[in-house]
Amino acid sequence: MRIVFEISGDKLSQAEQLLKKDDIVGRQSIAIRNASVLGLEGDIFIIIDGNEAAIKRAQELLKGIAQKSKKEDLVLKKYDELEEKAAEGFGAILGE
């Protein structure tokens, strides 16, 4: 299960601390990407890949700091494309 939050740069440090210190959310996969890196408008996206309990907990922790992105599907698509290209490049380096 994945969720995407959108956050302004001035609140990112606060959000990172909350997420990493939490026992449930801190164990999940958390990726932070600037919108410009993904070729999108906006500030910063936090992508959390985890179980349902962790997603709910992340929503509680980030309430008032970040909001669930309305561009979630597009952000995930762009993020997955970048990750795939990175994996292909790494494979080329290793000669696979």
N, C-alpha and C. Protein backbone atom coordinates (compact mmCIF):
# COMPACT_ATOMS: atom_id res chain seq x y z
N MET A 1 0.85 -1.17 0.00
CA MET A 1 0.00 0.00 0.00
C MET A 1 0.90 1.23 0.00
N ARG A 2 0.55 2.21 -0.85
CA ARG A 2 1.35 3.44 -0.92
C ARG A 2 0.46 4.67 -0.79
N ILE A 3 1.07 5.73 -0.27
CA ILE A 3 0.39 7.00 -0.16
C ILE A 3 1.40 8.10 -0.47
N VAL A 4 0.91 9.20 -1.03
CA VAL A 4 1.76 10.33 -1.36
C VAL A 4 1.24 11.57 -0.64
N PHE A 5 2.15 12.24 0.06
CA PHE A 5 1.84 13.50 0.71
C PHE A 5 2.58 14.61 -0.01
N GLU A 6 1.99 15.80 0.00
CA GLU A 6 2.64 16.98 -0.55
C GLU A 6 2.92 17.92 0.62
N ILE A 7 4.13 18.47 0.63
CA ILE A 7 4.55 19.29 1.76
C ILE A 7 5.44 20.42 1.27
N SER A 8 5.42 21.53 2.00
CA SER A 8 6.31 22.64 1.66
C SER A 8 7.68 22.39 2.28
N GLY A 9 8.70 22.94 1.67
CA GLY A 9 10.07 22.71 2.11
C GLY A 9 10.34 23.13 3.54
N ASP A 10 9.65 24.17 4.01
CA ASP A 10 9.91 24.65 5.37
C ASP A 10 9.36 23.72 6.45
N LYS A 11 8.51 22.78 6.08
CA LYS A 11 7.94 21.84 7.05
C LYS A 11 8.51 20.44 6.91
N LEU A 12 9.38 20.25 5.94
CA LEU A 12 9.91 18.92 5.65
C LEU A 12 10.70 18.34 6.83
N SER A 13 11.55 19.12 7.43
CA SER A 13 12.36 18.63 8.55
C SER A 13 11.49 18.12 9.69
N GLN A 14 10.45 18.86 9.99
CA GLN A 14 9.52 18.47 11.06
C GLN A 14 8.85 17.14 10.70
N ALA A 15 8.41 17.01 9.46
CA ALA A 15 7.74 15.78 9.01
C ALA A 15 8.70 14.59 9.06
N GLU A 16 9.93 14.78 8.61
CA GLU A 16 10.91 13.70 8.63
C GLU A 16 11.15 13.19 10.04
N GLN A 17 11.29 14.10 10.98
CA GLN A 17 11.52 13.71 12.37
C GLN A 17 10.35 12.90 12.92
N LEU A 18 9.13 13.35 12.65
CA LEU A 18 7.95 12.64 13.13
C LEU A 18 7.86 11.24 12.55
N LEU A 19 8.11 11.11 11.26
CA LEU A 19 7.98 9.82 10.59
C LEU A 19 9.07 8.85 11.02
N LYS A 20 10.30 9.31 11.10
CA LYS A 20 11.42 8.43 11.42
C LYS A 20 11.41 7.98 12.87
N LYS A 21 10.91 8.81 13.76
CA LYS A 21 10.90 8.46 15.19
C LYS A 21 9.74 7.55 15.57
N ASP A 22 8.73 7.47 14.71
CA ASP A 22 7.57 6.63 15.01
C ASP A 22 7.91 5.16 14.77
N ASP A 23 7.58 4.30 15.74
CA ASP A 23 7.90 2.87 15.65
C ASP A 23 7.24 2.19 14.46
N ILE A 24 6.03 2.59 14.13
CA ILE A 24 5.30 1.93 13.04
C ILE A 24 5.73 2.47 11.68
N VAL A 25 5.68 3.78 11.52
CA VAL A 25 5.97 4.39 10.22
C VAL A 25 7.46 4.33 9.90
N GLY A 26 8.30 4.47 10.90
CA GLY A 26 9.74 4.48 10.69
C GLY A 26 10.29 3.21 10.07
N ARG A 27 9.56 2.12 10.15
CA ARG A 27 9.99 0.83 9.59
C ARG A 27 9.56 0.65 8.14
N GLN A 28 8.82 1.59 7.61
CA GLN A 28 8.30 1.48 6.25
C GLN A 28 9.27 2.14 5.28
N SER A 29 9.02 1.96 4.00
CA SER A 29 9.84 2.60 2.97
C SER A 29 9.32 4.03 2.78
N ILE A 30 10.20 5.00 3.02
CA ILE A 30 9.83 6.40 2.89
C ILE A 30 10.77 7.05 1.88
N ALA A 31 10.20 7.65 0.84
CA ALA A 31 10.98 8.35 -0.18
C ALA A 31 10.54 9.80 -0.23
N ILE A 32 11.49 10.69 -0.36
CA ILE A 32 11.19 12.12 -0.44
C ILE A 32 11.75 12.63 -1.76
N ARG A 33 10.91 13.25 -2.56
CA ARG A 33 11.34 13.74 -3.87
C ARG A 33 10.82 15.15 -4.11
N ASN A 34 11.67 15.99 -4.67
CA ASN A 34 11.24 17.32 -5.10
C ASN A 34 10.35 17.15 -6.32
N ALA A 35 9.32 17.96 -6.41
CA ALA A 35 8.40 17.88 -7.54
C ALA A 35 9.15 18.06 -8.85
N SER A 36 10.11 18.97 -8.88
CA SER A 36 10.84 19.25 -10.12
C SER A 36 11.61 18.03 -10.62
N VAL A 37 12.11 17.20 -9.72
CA VAL A 37 12.83 15.98 -10.11
C VAL A 37 11.89 15.02 -10.84
N LEU A 38 10.63 15.04 -10.43
CA LEU A 38 9.62 14.18 -11.07
C LEU A 38 8.99 14.85 -12.28
N GLY A 39 9.40 16.09 -12.57
CA GLY A 39 8.83 16.82 -13.70
C GLY A 39 7.42 17.31 -13.43
N LEU A 40 7.14 17.59 -12.15
CA LEU A 40 5.79 18.02 -11.76
C LEU A 40 5.82 19.37 -11.07
N GLU A 41 4.67 19.99 -10.99
CA GLU A 41 4.51 21.23 -10.26
C GLU A 41 4.33 20.92 -8.78
N GLY A 42 4.76 21.82 -7.94
CA GLY A 42 4.55 21.64 -6.51
C GLY A 42 5.85 21.76 -5.75
N ASP A 43 5.81 21.42 -4.49
CA ASP A 43 6.98 21.53 -3.63
C ASP A 43 7.68 20.19 -3.51
N ILE A 44 7.35 19.45 -2.47
CA ILE A 44 8.02 18.19 -2.17
C ILE A 44 6.98 17.11 -1.94
N PHE A 45 7.29 15.90 -2.39
CA PHE A 45 6.40 14.76 -2.19
C PHE A 45 7.06 13.76 -1.25
N ILE A 46 6.27 13.24 -0.31
CA ILE A 46 6.71 12.17 0.57
C ILE A 46 5.90 10.94 0.16
N ILE A 47 6.61 9.89 -0.24
CA ILE A 47 5.97 8.66 -0.69
C ILE A 47 6.24 7.59 0.37
N ILE A 48 5.18 7.04 0.91
CA ILE A 48 5.32 6.00 1.93
C ILE A 48 4.73 4.71 1.41
N ASP A 49 5.54 3.68 1.45
CA ASP A 49 5.12 2.35 1.01
C ASP A 49 5.13 1.47 2.26
N GLY A 50 3.96 1.02 2.67
CA GLY A 50 3.89 0.22 3.88
C GLY A 50 2.54 -0.43 4.07
N ASN A 51 2.35 -0.98 5.24
CA ASN A 51 1.09 -1.65 5.53
C ASN A 51 0.01 -0.63 5.90
N GLU A 52 -1.21 -1.11 5.98
CA GLU A 52 -2.36 -0.23 6.22
C GLU A 52 -2.24 0.53 7.54
N ALA A 53 -1.79 -0.13 8.58
CA ALA A 53 -1.64 0.53 9.89
C ALA A 53 -0.63 1.67 9.81
N ALA A 54 0.46 1.44 9.08
CA ALA A 54 1.50 2.47 8.95
C ALA A 54 0.99 3.67 8.15
N ILE A 55 0.21 3.40 7.12
CA ILE A 55 -0.34 4.49 6.30
C ILE A 55 -1.28 5.34 7.15
N LYS A 56 -2.14 4.70 7.92
CA LYS A 56 -3.06 5.44 8.79
C LYS A 56 -2.30 6.26 9.83
N ARG A 57 -1.25 5.66 10.38
CA ARG A 57 -0.44 6.35 11.38
C ARG A 57 0.28 7.55 10.75
N ALA A 58 0.78 7.40 9.55
CA ALA A 58 1.44 8.51 8.85
C ALA A 58 0.47 9.66 8.63
N GLN A 59 -0.76 9.33 8.27
CA GLN A 59 -1.77 10.37 8.07
C GLN A 59 -2.02 11.13 9.36
N GLU A 60 -2.05 10.42 10.48
CA GLU A 60 -2.24 11.07 11.78
C GLU A 60 -1.05 11.97 12.11
N LEU A 61 0.16 11.47 11.90
CA LEU A 61 1.36 12.22 12.23
C LEU A 61 1.51 13.49 11.39
N LEU A 62 1.12 13.40 10.14
CA LEU A 62 1.33 14.53 9.23
C LEU A 62 0.15 15.49 9.14
N LYS A 63 -0.90 15.21 9.90
CA LYS A 63 -2.07 16.08 9.89
C LYS A 63 -1.65 17.50 10.29
N GLY A 64 -2.00 18.46 9.45
CA GLY A 64 -1.65 19.85 9.71
C GLY A 64 -0.26 20.25 9.22
N ILE A 65 0.53 19.26 8.80
CA ILE A 65 1.88 19.53 8.30
C ILE A 65 1.95 19.31 6.79
N ALA A 66 1.36 18.21 6.36
CA ALA A 66 1.35 17.84 4.94
C ALA A 66 -0.05 17.34 4.59
N GLN A 67 -0.37 17.39 3.32
CA GLN A 67 -1.67 16.88 2.90
C GLN A 67 -1.49 15.80 1.86
N LYS A 68 -2.45 14.87 1.83
CA LYS A 68 -2.43 13.81 0.83
C LYS A 68 -2.47 14.49 -0.54
N SER A 69 -1.58 14.07 -1.41
CA SER A 69 -1.47 14.71 -2.72
C SER A 69 -2.66 14.36 -3.61
N LYS A 70 -3.16 15.36 -4.29
CA LYS A 70 -4.23 15.14 -5.26
C LYS A 70 -3.67 14.55 -6.54
N LYS A 71 -2.34 14.59 -6.69
CA LYS A 71 -1.66 14.07 -7.87
C LYS A 71 -1.05 12.69 -7.60
N GLU A 72 -1.57 11.98 -6.63
CA GLU A 72 -0.96 10.74 -6.16
C GLU A 72 -0.65 9.76 -7.30
N ASP A 73 -1.59 9.48 -8.17
CA ASP A 73 -1.38 8.51 -9.25
C ASP A 73 -0.24 8.94 -10.17
N LEU A 74 -0.23 10.23 -10.51
CA LEU A 74 0.81 10.75 -11.40
C LEU A 74 2.18 10.74 -10.71
N VAL A 75 2.22 11.11 -9.45
CA VAL A 75 3.48 11.11 -8.70
C VAL A 75 4.04 9.68 -8.63
N LEU A 76 3.19 8.72 -8.31
CA LEU A 76 3.65 7.33 -8.23
C LEU A 76 4.14 6.81 -9.58
N LYS A 77 3.47 7.19 -10.64
CA LYS A 77 3.88 6.78 -11.99
C LYS A 77 5.27 7.34 -12.30
N LYS A 78 5.46 8.64 -12.07
CA LYS A 78 6.75 9.28 -12.34
C LYS A 78 7.85 8.70 -11.45
N TYR A 79 7.52 8.49 -10.19
CA TYR A 79 8.49 7.93 -9.24
C TYR A 79 8.92 6.53 -9.69
N ASP A 80 7.97 5.70 -10.05
CA ASP A 80 8.28 4.34 -10.51
C ASP A 80 9.14 4.35 -11.78
N GLU A 81 8.85 5.28 -12.68
CA GLU A 81 9.64 5.40 -13.91
C GLU A 81 11.09 5.76 -13.58
N LEU A 82 11.29 6.70 -12.67
CA LEU A 82 12.65 7.08 -12.28
C LEU A 82 13.39 5.94 -11.61
N GLU A 83 12.70 5.21 -10.74
CA GLU A 83 13.32 4.07 -10.05
C GLU A 83 13.71 2.98 -11.05
N GLU A 84 12.86 2.76 -12.04
CA GLU A 84 13.14 1.75 -13.06
C GLU A 84 14.36 2.15 -13.89
N LYS A 85 14.44 3.42 -14.27
CA LYS A 85 15.60 3.90 -15.04
C LYS A 85 16.88 3.77 -14.21
N ALA A 86 16.79 4.07 -12.94
CA ALA A 86 17.95 3.96 -12.06
C ALA A 86 18.40 2.50 -11.96
N ALA A 87 17.46 1.58 -11.86
CA ALA A 87 17.79 0.16 -11.77
C ALA A 87 18.42 -0.32 -13.08
N GLU A 88 17.90 0.15 -14.20
CA GLU A 88 18.47 -0.21 -15.50
C GLU A 88 19.90 0.30 -15.62
N GLY A 89 20.13 1.52 -15.17
CA GLY A 89 21.47 2.10 -15.22
C GLY A 89 22.44 1.34 -14.33
N PHE A 90 21.99 0.93 -13.19
CA PHE A 90 22.82 0.16 -12.26
C PHE A 90 23.14 -1.20 -12.86
N GLY A 91 22.16 -1.80 -13.52
CA GLY A 91 22.39 -3.09 -14.18
C GLY A 91 23.41 -2.98 -15.29
N ALA A 92 23.38 -1.86 -16.02
CA ALA A 92 24.34 -1.63 -17.10
C ALA A 92 25.75 -1.49 -16.55
N ILE A 93 25.87 -0.87 -15.41
CA ILE A 93 27.19 -0.71 -14.78
C ILE A 93 27.76 -2.08 -14.40
N LEU A 94 26.89 -2.95 -13.91
CA LEU A 94 27.32 -4.28 -13.49
C LEU A 94 27.46 -5.26 -14.66
N GLY A 95 27.05 -4.79 -15.84
CA GLY A 95 27.16 -5.65 -17.03
C GLY A 95 26.08 -6.68 -17.14
N GLU A 96 24.93 -6.39 -16.56
CA GLU A 96 23.81 -7.36 -16.63
C GLU A 96 22.89 -7.01 -17.76
